[in-house]
Amino acid sequence: MGEWSHSTPLGTSVCLVQMRRVKLELSASFFIKFSGLKV
């Protein structure tokens, strides 16, 4: 399952979800830092 998981729709969807989660965490931390600087 580990080798051909990237070619399957399930593997790609999982990768997309993980990337989306990382983007949300980065934007959230950036927003917190930005709001902290403004205040």
C-alpha atoms as a PDB file:
ATOM      1  CA  MET A   1       0.000   0.000   0.000  1.00  0.00           C
ATOM      2  CA  GLY A   2       2.928   2.325   0.613  1.00  0.00           C
ATOM      3  CA  GLU A   3       4.516   2.094  -2.858  1.00  0.00           C
ATOM      4  CA  TRP A   4       1.460   2.459  -5.114  1.00  0.00           C
ATOM      5  CA  SER A   5      -0.601   4.601  -2.733  1.00  0.00           C
ATOM      6  CA  HIS A   6       0.340   7.754  -4.658  1.00  0.00           C
ATOM      7  CA  SER A   7      -1.192   6.474  -7.909  1.00  0.00           C
ATOM      8  CA  THR A   8      -4.530   5.622  -6.274  1.00  0.00           C
ATOM      9  CA  PRO A   9      -7.287   8.236  -5.810  1.00  0.00           C
ATOM     10  CA  LEU A  10      -7.271   7.542  -2.081  1.00  0.00           C
ATOM     11  CA  GLY A  11      -3.557   8.266  -1.809  1.00  0.00           C
ATOM     12  CA  THR A  12      -3.842  11.497  -3.799  1.00  0.00           C
ATOM     13  CA  SER A  13      -6.812  12.649  -1.722  1.00  0.00           C
ATOM     14  CA  VAL A  14      -4.892  11.961   1.479  1.00  0.00           C
ATOM     15  CA  CYS A  15      -1.914  13.944   0.169  1.00  0.00           C
ATOM     16  CA  LEU A  16      -4.212  16.834  -0.760  1.00  0.00           C
ATOM     17  CA  VAL A  17      -5.805  16.794   2.680  1.00  0.00           C
ATOM     18  CA  GLN A  18      -2.395  16.822   4.366  1.00  0.00           C
ATOM     19  CA  MET A  19      -1.198  19.721   2.173  1.00  0.00           C
ATOM     20  CA  ARG A  20      -4.408  21.638   2.926  1.00  0.00           C
ATOM     21  CA  ARG A  21      -3.909  21.038   6.646  1.00  0.00           C
ATOM     22  CA  VAL A  22      -0.323  22.333   6.490  1.00  0.00           C
ATOM     23  CA  LYS A  23      -1.466  25.430   4.575  1.00  0.00           C
ATOM     24  CA  LEU A  24      -4.147  26.099   7.200  1.00  0.00           C
ATOM     25  CA  GLU A  25      -1.618  25.777  10.026  1.00  0.00           C
ATOM     26  CA  LEU A  26       0.863  28.089   8.285  1.00  0.00           C
ATOM     27  CA  SER A  27      -1.790  30.719   7.532  1.00  0.00           C
ATOM     28  CA  ALA A  28      -3.112  30.486  11.096  1.00  0.00           C
ATOM     29  CA  SER A  29       0.339  30.976  12.644  1.00  0.00           C
ATOM     30  CA  PHE A  30       1.061  33.847  10.231  1.00  0.00           C
ATOM     31  CA  PHE A  31      -2.273  35.477  11.091  1.00  0.00           C
ATOM     32  CA  ILE A  32      -1.541  35.165  14.825  1.00  0.00           C
ATOM     33  CA  LYS A  33       1.905  36.730  14.408  1.00  0.00           C
ATOM     34  CA  PHE A  34       0.532  39.515  12.197  1.00  0.00           C
ATOM     35  CA  SER A  35      -2.322  40.321  14.604  1.00  0.00           C
ATOM     36  CA  GLY A  36       0.153  40.248  17.504  1.00  0.00           C
ATOM     37  CA  LEU A  37       2.367  42.789  15.740  1.00  0.00           C
ATOM     38  CA  LYS A  38      -0.591  45.078  15.024  1.00  0.00           C
ATOM     39  CA  VAL A  39      -1.719  44.939  18.670  1.00  0.00           C
END
